[in-house]
Amino acid sequence: MAYLSQMKVGRHSYIYEVTGFRDENGKPRNKKHPVGKIDPDI
């Protein structure tokens, strides 16, 4: 399952696509891929 997440890094906010999966031991894990930066002027 994939979803979008907003994270604040320093003074900037970014959107990440987060994909959840289970590793070889069956534990839940996440991978985050950056999608873009949020424009603060909007």
PDB file of N, CA and C in Angstrom:
ATOM      1  N   MET A   1       0.846  -1.170   0.000  1.00  0.00           N
ATOM      2  CA  MET A   1       0.000   0.000   0.000  1.00  0.00           C
ATOM      3  C   MET A   1       0.894   1.238   0.000  1.00  0.00           C
ATOM      4  N   ALA A   2       0.609   2.191  -0.831  1.00  0.00           N
ATOM      5  CA  ALA A   2       1.374   3.428  -0.903  1.00  0.00           C
ATOM      6  C   ALA A   2       0.488   4.603  -0.500  1.00  0.00           C
ATOM      7  N   TYR A   3       1.108   5.580   0.134  1.00  0.00           N
ATOM      8  CA  TYR A   3       0.391   6.792   0.511  1.00  0.00           C
ATOM      9  C   TYR A   3       1.367   7.959   0.485  1.00  0.00           C
ATOM     10  N   LEU A   4       0.844   9.182   0.536  1.00  0.00           N
ATOM     11  CA  LEU A   4       1.664  10.384   0.529  1.00  0.00           C
ATOM     12  C   LEU A   4       1.800  10.913   1.953  1.00  0.00           C
ATOM     13  N   SER A   5       2.984  11.405   2.267  1.00  0.00           N
ATOM     14  CA  SER A   5       3.264  11.923   3.590  1.00  0.00           C
ATOM     15  C   SER A   5       3.997  13.249   3.449  1.00  0.00           C
ATOM     16  N   GLN A   6       3.704  14.185   4.348  1.00  0.00           N
ATOM     17  CA  GLN A   6       4.382  15.476   4.351  1.00  0.00           C
ATOM     18  C   GLN A   6       5.358  15.495   5.517  1.00  0.00           C
ATOM     19  N   MET A   7       6.606  15.890   5.230  1.00  0.00           N
ATOM     20  CA  MET A   7       7.618  15.985   6.284  1.00  0.00           C
ATOM     21  C   MET A   7       8.288  17.345   6.219  1.00  0.00           C
ATOM     22  N   LYS A   8       8.542  17.920   7.385  1.00  0.00           N
ATOM     23  CA  LYS A   8       9.245  19.190   7.461  1.00  0.00           C
ATOM     24  C   LYS A   8      10.718  18.891   7.739  1.00  0.00           C
ATOM     25  N   VAL A   9      11.589  19.369   6.846  1.00  0.00           N
ATOM     26  CA  VAL A   9      13.030  19.198   6.973  1.00  0.00           C
ATOM     27  C   VAL A   9      13.639  20.589   7.020  1.00  0.00           C
ATOM     28  N   GLY A  10      14.104  20.984   8.182  1.00  0.00           N
ATOM     29  CA  GLY A  10      14.624  22.351   8.337  1.00  0.00           C
ATOM     30  C   GLY A  10      13.495  23.355   8.190  1.00  0.00           C
ATOM     31  N   ARG A  11      13.640  24.283   7.250  1.00  0.00           N
ATOM     32  CA  ARG A  11      12.597  25.287   7.019  1.00  0.00           C
ATOM     33  C   ARG A  11      11.654  24.897   5.892  1.00  0.00           C
ATOM     34  N   HIS A  12      11.889  23.780   5.219  1.00  0.00           N
ATOM     35  CA  HIS A  12      11.126  23.400   4.041  1.00  0.00           C
ATOM     36  C   HIS A  12      10.274  22.165   4.310  1.00  0.00           C
ATOM     37  N   SER A  13       9.153  22.068   3.594  1.00  0.00           N
ATOM     38  CA  SER A  13       8.283  20.898   3.686  1.00  0.00           C
ATOM     39  C   SER A  13       8.342  20.132   2.373  1.00  0.00           C
ATOM     40  N   TYR A  14       8.380  18.824   2.461  1.00  0.00           N
ATOM     41  CA  TYR A  14       8.479  17.953   1.295  1.00  0.00           C
ATOM     42  C   TYR A  14       7.365  16.914   1.325  1.00  0.00           C
ATOM     43  N   ILE A  15       6.987  16.441   0.147  1.00  0.00           N
ATOM     44  CA  ILE A  15       6.013  15.362   0.013  1.00  0.00           C
ATOM     45  C   ILE A  15       6.780  14.096  -0.351  1.00  0.00           C
ATOM     46  N   TYR A  16       6.476  13.009   0.349  1.00  0.00           N
ATOM     47  CA  TYR A  16       7.097  11.709   0.095  1.00  0.00           C
ATOM     48  C   TYR A  16       6.020  10.684  -0.216  1.00  0.00           C
ATOM     49  N   GLU A  17       6.309   9.763  -1.131  1.00  0.00           N
ATOM     50  CA  GLU A  17       5.458   8.613  -1.370  1.00  0.00           C
ATOM     51  C   GLU A  17       6.020   7.488  -0.502  1.00  0.00           C
ATOM     52  N   VAL A  18       5.198   6.963   0.394  1.00  0.00           N
ATOM     53  CA  VAL A  18       5.635   5.950   1.341  1.00  0.00           C
ATOM     54  C   VAL A  18       5.009   4.615   0.945  1.00  0.00           C
ATOM     55  N   THR A  19       5.852   3.593   0.814  1.00  0.00           N
ATOM     56  CA  THR A  19       5.397   2.256   0.471  1.00  0.00           C
ATOM     57  C   THR A  19       5.706   1.324   1.638  1.00  0.00           C
ATOM     58  N   GLY A  20       4.700   0.664   2.152  1.00  0.00           N
ATOM     59  CA  GLY A  20       4.882  -0.266   3.260  1.00  0.00           C
ATOM     60  C   GLY A  20       5.031  -1.691   2.757  1.00  0.00           C
ATOM     61  N   PHE A  21       5.874  -2.472   3.429  1.00  0.00           N
ATOM     62  CA  PHE A  21       6.088  -3.868   3.071  1.00  0.00           C
ATOM     63  C   PHE A  21       6.635  -4.594   4.290  1.00  0.00           C
ATOM     64  N   ARG A  22       6.752  -5.891   4.186  1.00  0.00           N
ATOM     65  CA  ARG A  22       7.336  -6.692   5.260  1.00  0.00           C
ATOM     66  C   ARG A  22       8.672  -7.252   4.800  1.00  0.00           C
ATOM     67  N   ASP A  23       9.678  -7.226   5.680  1.00  0.00           N
ATOM     68  CA  ASP A  23      10.994  -7.745   5.318  1.00  0.00           C
ATOM     69  C   ASP A  23      11.014  -9.271   5.412  1.00  0.00           C
ATOM     70  N   GLU A  24      12.191  -9.864   5.222  1.00  0.00           N
ATOM     71  CA  GLU A  24      12.296 -11.315   5.187  1.00  0.00           C
ATOM     72  C   GLU A  24      11.972 -11.967   6.531  1.00  0.00           C
ATOM     73  N   ASN A  25      12.016 -11.199   7.627  1.00  0.00           N
ATOM     74  CA  ASN A  25      11.667 -11.723   8.955  1.00  0.00           C
ATOM     75  C   ASN A  25      10.208 -11.473   9.310  1.00  0.00           C
ATOM     76  N   GLY A  26       9.452 -10.842   8.403  1.00  0.00           N
ATOM     77  CA  GLY A  26       8.040 -10.569   8.638  1.00  0.00           C
ATOM     78  C   GLY A  26       7.763  -9.275   9.374  1.00  0.00           C
ATOM     79  N   LYS A  27       8.787  -8.463   9.605  1.00  0.00           N
ATOM     80  CA  LYS A  27       8.590  -7.199  10.303  1.00  0.00           C
ATOM     81  C   LYS A  27       8.165  -6.120   9.313  1.00  0.00           C
ATOM     82  N   PRO A  28       7.227  -5.239   9.700  1.00  0.00           N
ATOM     83  CA  PRO A  28       6.812  -4.160   8.796  1.00  0.00           C
ATOM     84  C   PRO A  28       7.914  -3.112   8.616  1.00  0.00           C
ATOM     85  N   ARG A  29       8.099  -2.672   7.372  1.00  0.00           N
ATOM     86  CA  ARG A  29       9.086  -1.664   7.011  1.00  0.00           C
ATOM     87  C   ARG A  29       8.455  -0.667   6.045  1.00  0.00           C
ATOM     88  N   ASN A  30       9.111   0.491   5.860  1.00  0.00           N
ATOM     89  CA  ASN A  30       8.663   1.526   4.933  1.00  0.00           C
ATOM     90  C   ASN A  30       9.818   1.973   4.064  1.00  0.00           C
ATOM     91  N   LYS A  31       9.501   2.337   2.824  1.00  0.00           N
ATOM     92  CA  LYS A  31      10.459   3.000   1.940  1.00  0.00           C
ATOM     93  C   LYS A  31       9.841   4.316   1.523  1.00  0.00           C
ATOM     94  N   LYS A  32      10.622   5.394   1.599  1.00  0.00           N
ATOM     95  CA  LYS A  32      10.141   6.726   1.249  1.00  0.00           C
ATOM     96  C   LYS A  32      10.864   7.213   0.011  1.00  0.00           C
ATOM     97  N   HIS A  33      10.080   7.722  -0.945  1.00  0.00           N
ATOM     98  CA  HIS A  33      10.624   8.291  -2.173  1.00  0.00           C
ATOM     99  C   HIS A  33      10.146   9.737  -2.272  1.00  0.00           C
ATOM    100  N   PRO A  34      11.062  10.703  -2.404  1.00  0.00           N
ATOM    101  CA  PRO A  34      10.638  12.101  -2.486  1.00  0.00           C
ATOM    102  C   PRO A  34       9.869  12.376  -3.772  1.00  0.00           C
ATOM    103  N   VAL A  35       8.779  13.118  -3.634  1.00  0.00           N
ATOM    104  CA  VAL A  35       7.951  13.492  -4.781  1.00  0.00           C
ATOM    105  C   VAL A  35       8.226  14.943  -5.162  1.00  0.00           C
ATOM    106  N   GLY A  36       8.279  15.824  -4.162  1.00  0.00           N
ATOM    107  CA  GLY A  36       8.527  17.231  -4.456  1.00  0.00           C
ATOM    108  C   GLY A  36       8.545  18.083  -3.222  1.00  0.00           C
ATOM    109  N   LYS A  37       8.855  19.342  -3.428  1.00  0.00           N
ATOM    110  CA  LYS A  37       8.941  20.336  -2.377  1.00  0.00           C
ATOM    111  C   LYS A  37       7.678  21.184  -2.378  1.00  0.00           C
ATOM    112  N   ILE A  38       7.176  21.538  -1.225  1.00  0.00           N
ATOM    113  CA  ILE A  38       5.969  22.363  -1.110  1.00  0.00           C
ATOM    114  C   ILE A  38       6.363  23.823  -1.195  1.00  0.00           C
ATOM    115  N   ASP A  39       5.688  24.572  -2.062  1.00  0.00           N
ATOM    116  CA  ASP A  39       5.964  25.993  -2.243  1.00  0.00           C
ATOM    117  C   ASP A  39       5.272  26.771  -1.128  1.00  0.00           C
ATOM    118  N   PRO A  40       6.018  27.467  -0.272  1.00  0.00           N
ATOM    119  CA  PRO A  40       5.393  28.174   0.853  1.00  0.00           C
ATOM    120  C   PRO A  40       4.647  29.440   0.444  1.00  0.00           C
ATOM    121  N   ASP A  41       4.805  29.889  -0.808  1.00  0.00           N
ATOM    122  CA  ASP A  41       4.165  31.122  -1.243  1.00  0.00           C
ATOM    123  C   ASP A  41       2.723  30.931  -1.689  1.00  0.00           C
ATOM    124  N   ILE A  42       2.251  29.696  -1.736  1.00  0.00           N
ATOM    125  CA  ILE A  42       0.872  29.439  -2.189  1.00  0.00           C
ATOM    126  C   ILE A  42      -0.104  29.671  -1.064  1.00  0.00           C
TER     127      ILE A  42
END
